[in-house]
Amino acid sequence: MTDSNTPPGNSPGVAGDDGLPVNALSWRLDRLVVAVGRLSSWLWIGVLVVVLINVFSRYALSQGSIALEELSWHLFGIATMLTLGYAVVRDDHVRVDVLKEKFSLRAQAVIELTGIVVLVLPVIYLMIDALVPYAWKAWIYQERSQAPSGLPYRYIFKSTLPLGLALVTLALFSRATRCTTLLFGFPRAVMPPVLFKMGVEPVWFAIMFAICLQTSFLTPPVGFSLFYIKGVCPPGITTRHIYLGVLPFIALQLLALALVFWFEPLATWLPNEVYGGS
């Protein structure tokens, strides 16, 4: 019921090991970029499957496929571009800054804000400015592979290049606003809910809340589902019959609520395995 991995905060609204505060704008931008990154990460399974099929057909069946080979690097490129922003948000990209850990948090924020505004964002703007016409031209001419048996619709792959960089831009802009929140107090930092500041695990709390909400749909006298059932039952079925009929289901839901309350991993194990612990 408590999150033992939550790092101590250095300022209001701390939401990670980097110590930078979170504001409302950065929170929304980060959620968008992370959602796209998590969804796009499933493409890596497609890359693996296509590569395995291609290797099997080439070495076991002696039948190579240009289309499969092109599909593998198309998927690889799309997955890479659409998950770059996720790496920026999670601060999982490679950093070559051996001196950073020796600086104070404010000094780190100044350096990072300067680097983002002066160096990174202008370069990404120039790249997007060049890639948008590049992708648009491919759309206009319905570009396909030059190989006779290659893949069509190459413009789809080319369109992900500026799109991926746009997501990186959003992630960097979000991080820049977090730096300004720390340095100048603008935008205003978002304080985490009181329960989360006390160390309550957010995923566990959400699951508990969802089970309670689902139980409320069946509990008299205002359970919505009970009235839905009454509206489609024959006239001989009374409200009392319905109340008695849902009691076993209410008992099961209360049992599930108690199990999740006492055994937190029932709610947190799978999300931690899929997305990593907080």
Foldseek 3Di string as FASTA:
>chain_A
DFAPPDDDAPDFQQDDPLNFHADPLLVVLLVVLQVQLLVLLVLVVVLVVLVVVQVCCCPVVVDHAQASVVVNVLSVLLNVLSNPLVCLLNVVDDDDCPCLVVDDSLVNLVVLLCCLVPPVVVVLVVVLVVLVVVLVVCVVVQDFDPDPRYGTNCSVSSVSNSVSSVSNNSSSVSSSQSSCCVVPVPPPGDGDDPVVVVRDDPQLVVVLVVLVVVLQLLDPDPNVVLVVVVVPDDPVQDSVNSNVVCVVVSVVSVVVSVCCVVPVCVRVVVVCVSPNDD
